[in-house]
C-alpha atoms as a PDB file:
ATOM      1  CA  MET A   1     -12.891 -18.872  23.057  1.00  0.00           C
ATOM      2  CA  LEU A   2     -10.981 -18.747  19.810  1.00  0.00           C
ATOM      3  CA  PHE A   3     -10.168 -15.071  20.298  1.00  0.00           C
ATOM      4  CA  ALA A   4      -8.675 -15.754  23.709  1.00  0.00           C
ATOM      5  CA  PHE A   5      -6.155 -18.098  22.122  1.00  0.00           C
ATOM      6  CA  PHE A   6      -4.839 -15.372  19.799  1.00  0.00           C
ATOM      7  CA  GLN A   7      -4.752 -12.781  22.552  1.00  0.00           C
ATOM      8  CA  ASP A   8      -2.459 -14.938  24.668  1.00  0.00           C
ATOM      9  CA  ALA A   9       0.187 -15.191  21.977  1.00  0.00           C
ATOM     10  CA  ALA A  10       2.531 -12.197  22.281  1.00  0.00           C
ATOM     11  CA  PRO A  11       4.344 -11.045  19.157  1.00  0.00           C
ATOM     12  CA  SER A  12       8.077 -11.558  19.096  1.00  0.00           C
ATOM     13  CA  PRO A  13      10.084  -8.358  19.629  1.00  0.00           C
ATOM     14  CA  MET A  14      12.251  -9.244  16.593  1.00  0.00           C
ATOM     15  CA  ALA A  15       9.282  -9.619  14.206  1.00  0.00           C
ATOM     16  CA  GLY A  16       9.234  -5.900  13.347  1.00  0.00           C
ATOM     17  CA  SER A  17      12.945  -5.731  12.583  1.00  0.00           C
ATOM     18  CA  TYR A  18      12.689  -8.657  10.154  1.00  0.00           C
ATOM     19  CA  GLN A  19       9.978  -6.803   8.267  1.00  0.00           C
ATOM     20  CA  ILE A  20      12.151  -3.695   8.065  1.00  0.00           C
ATOM     21  CA  PHE A  21      15.078  -5.716   6.679  1.00  0.00           C
ATOM     22  CA  PHE A  22      12.755  -7.335   4.141  1.00  0.00           C
ATOM     23  CA  PHE A  23      11.457  -3.990   2.856  1.00  0.00           C
ATOM     24  CA  VAL A  24      14.936  -2.433   2.775  1.00  0.00           C
ATOM     25  CA  GLY A  25      16.211  -5.413   0.795  1.00  0.00           C
ATOM     26  CA  LEU A  26      13.243  -5.253  -1.559  1.00  0.00           C
ATOM     27  CA  PHE A  27      13.848  -1.554  -2.192  1.00  0.00           C
ATOM     28  CA  ALA A  28      17.568  -2.211  -2.820  1.00  0.00           C
ATOM     29  CA  LEU A  29      16.714  -4.856  -5.418  1.00  0.00           C
ATOM     30  CA  MET A  30      14.235  -2.540  -7.127  1.00  0.00           C
ATOM     31  CA  TYR A  31      16.830   0.234  -7.194  1.00  0.00           C
ATOM     32  CA  PHE A  32      19.589  -1.890  -8.739  1.00  0.00           C
ATOM     33  CA  PHE A  33      17.378  -3.671 -11.267  1.00  0.00           C
ATOM     34  CA  LEU A  34      14.871  -0.957 -12.245  1.00  0.00           C
ATOM     35  CA  LEU A  35      15.709   2.588 -11.203  1.00  0.00           C
ATOM     36  CA  ARG A  36      19.484   2.713 -11.690  1.00  0.00           C
ATOM     37  CA  PRO A  37      19.562   1.340 -15.272  1.00  0.00           C
ATOM     38  CA  GLN A  38      16.753   3.683 -16.313  1.00  0.00           C
ATOM     39  CA  ALA A  39      18.563   6.716 -14.880  1.00  0.00           C
ATOM     40  CA  LYS A  40      21.772   5.655 -16.646  1.00  0.00           C
ATOM     41  CA  GLN A  41      19.931   5.296 -19.964  1.00  0.00           C
ATOM     42  CA  GLN A  42      18.326   8.748 -19.558  1.00  0.00           C
ATOM     43  CA  LYS A  43      21.719  10.302 -18.836  1.00  0.00           C
ATOM     44  CA  GLU A  44      23.249   8.728 -21.966  1.00  0.00           C
ATOM     45  CA  HIS A  45      20.308   9.917 -24.093  1.00  0.00           C
ATOM     46  CA  GLN A  46      20.681  13.463 -22.723  1.00  0.00           C
ATOM     47  CA  LYS A  47      24.407  13.454 -23.580  1.00  0.00           C
ATOM     48  CA  MET A  48      23.580  12.285 -27.108  1.00  0.00           C
ATOM     49  CA  LEU A  49      21.034  15.111 -27.520  1.00  0.00           C
ATOM     50  CA  GLU A  50      23.529  17.712 -26.311  1.00  0.00           C
ATOM     51  CA  ALA A  51      26.215  16.456 -28.730  1.00  0.00           C
ATOM     52  CA  LEU A  52      24.065  16.667 -31.890  1.00  0.00           C
ATOM     53  CA  LYS A  53      25.603  18.658 -34.715  1.00  0.00           C
ATOM     54  CA  ALA A  54      25.003  19.369 -38.394  1.00  0.00           C
ATOM     55  CA  GLY A  55      25.606  16.330 -40.569  1.00  0.00           C
ATOM     56  CA  ASP A  56      24.585  13.745 -37.961  1.00  0.00           C
ATOM     57  CA  LYS A  57      22.085  11.170 -39.186  1.00  0.00           C
ATOM     58  CA  VAL A  58      19.249  10.687 -36.704  1.00  0.00           C
ATOM     59  CA  ILE A  59      15.942   8.936 -36.129  1.00  0.00           C
ATOM     60  CA  THR A  60      13.035  10.902 -34.657  1.00  0.00           C
ATOM     61  CA  ASN A  61      10.450   9.617 -32.195  1.00  0.00           C
ATOM     62  CA  GLY A  62       8.018   9.429 -35.119  1.00  0.00           C
ATOM     63  CA  GLY A  63      10.329   7.090 -37.026  1.00  0.00           C
ATOM     64  CA  ILE A  64      11.667   9.608 -39.558  1.00  0.00           C
ATOM     65  CA  TRP A  65      15.231   8.926 -40.695  1.00  0.00           C
ATOM     66  CA  ALA A  66      16.939  12.214 -41.528  1.00  0.00           C
ATOM     67  CA  GLU A  67      20.145  14.213 -41.493  1.00  0.00           C
ATOM     68  CA  ILE A  68      20.620  17.301 -39.340  1.00  0.00           C
ATOM     69  CA  ASP A  69      20.895  20.462 -41.440  1.00  0.00           C
ATOM     70  CA  HIS A  70      21.541  22.904 -38.594  1.00  0.00           C
ATOM     71  CA  VAL A  71      21.038  23.082 -34.842  1.00  0.00           C
ATOM     72  CA  GLU A  72      19.510  25.920 -32.867  1.00  0.00           C
ATOM     73  CA  ASN A  73      18.951  26.109 -29.115  1.00  0.00           C
ATOM     74  CA  GLN A  74      15.919  23.819 -28.741  1.00  0.00           C
ATOM     75  CA  LYS A  75      15.047  23.385 -32.453  1.00  0.00           C
ATOM     76  CA  ILE A  76      16.792  21.204 -34.969  1.00  0.00           C
ATOM     77  CA  CYS A  77      16.321  21.524 -38.717  1.00  0.00           C
ATOM     78  CA  ILE A  78      16.432  18.075 -40.271  1.00  0.00           C
ATOM     79  CA  ARG A  79      16.695  17.267 -43.960  1.00  0.00           C
ATOM     80  CA  ILE A  80      14.582  14.324 -45.061  1.00  0.00           C
ATOM     81  CA  ASN A  81      15.569  14.572 -48.740  1.00  0.00           C
ATOM     82  CA  ASP A  82      17.082  17.250 -50.979  1.00  0.00           C
ATOM     83  CA  LYS A  83      13.947  19.395 -51.040  1.00  0.00           C
ATOM     84  CA  THR A  84      12.346  18.685 -47.653  1.00  0.00           C
ATOM     85  CA  LYS A  85      13.525  20.279 -44.427  1.00  0.00           C
ATOM     86  CA  ILE A  86      11.530  20.394 -41.206  1.00  0.00           C
ATOM     87  CA  PHE A  87      12.113  21.745 -37.724  1.00  0.00           C
ATOM     88  CA  VAL A  88      11.748  19.388 -34.776  1.00  0.00           C
ATOM     89  CA  SER A  89      12.276  19.803 -31.078  1.00  0.00           C
ATOM     90  CA  ARG A  90      15.602  18.572 -29.765  1.00  0.00           C
ATOM     91  CA  SER A  91      13.713  16.148 -27.532  1.00  0.00           C
ATOM     92  CA  ALA A  92      12.019  14.612 -30.610  1.00  0.00           C
ATOM     93  CA  ILE A  93      15.289  12.926 -31.593  1.00  0.00           C
ATOM     94  CA  SER A  94      15.291   9.363 -30.308  1.00  0.00           C
ATOM     95  CA  ALA A  95      18.649   8.066 -31.573  1.00  0.00           C
ATOM     96  CA  LYS A  96      21.465   8.434 -34.041  1.00  0.00           C
ATOM     97  CA  GLN A  97      21.283   6.176 -37.069  1.00  0.00           C
ATOM     98  CA  PRO A  98      23.489   3.098 -36.802  1.00  0.00           C
ATOM     99  CA  ALA A  99      26.631   3.145 -38.900  1.00  0.00           C
ATOM    100  CA  PRO A 100      26.192   1.290 -42.183  1.00  0.00           C
ATOM    101  CA  GLU A 101      27.884  -2.077 -42.392  1.00  0.00           C
ATOM    102  CA  SER A 102      30.960  -2.287 -44.506  1.00  0.00           C
ATOM    103  CA  GLU A 103      30.119  -2.973 -48.147  1.00  0.00           C
ATOM    104  CA  ASN A 104      33.297  -5.045 -48.422  1.00  0.00           C
ATOM    105  CA  LYS A 105      31.649  -7.914 -46.549  1.00  0.00           C
ATOM    106  CA  LYS A 106      30.233 -10.699 -48.622  1.00  0.00           C
ATOM    107  CA  ASP A 107      26.864 -12.346 -47.957  1.00  0.00           C
ATOM    108  CA  GLY A 108      28.462 -15.392 -46.300  1.00  0.00           C
ATOM    109  CA  ASP A 109      30.910 -13.449 -44.102  1.00  0.00           C
ATOM    110  CA  LYS A 110      30.075 -12.533 -40.555  1.00  0.00           C
END
């Protein structure tokens, strides 16, 4: 008896198109809020890696703050202090060190 009631109700022909619009809209939101910013960030990081040169101060993925001694194809020699140099992969560099704040500023100035 109950099943006969549901069998009589025919689905609307527009119901499928509303679902398609919903999923297209959901994908568009995901693209603009998740995928696009991540791709942009990866592109900027790749440009930074390609522009590395001797003398740049960098931070590695392991948290080591160092200065680049010389750059080879996929290896970078970084100098941690005067006596310590190590080779790291170019992809192991996470960022350039931020520029130091001006020493002319006083404690109360912003």
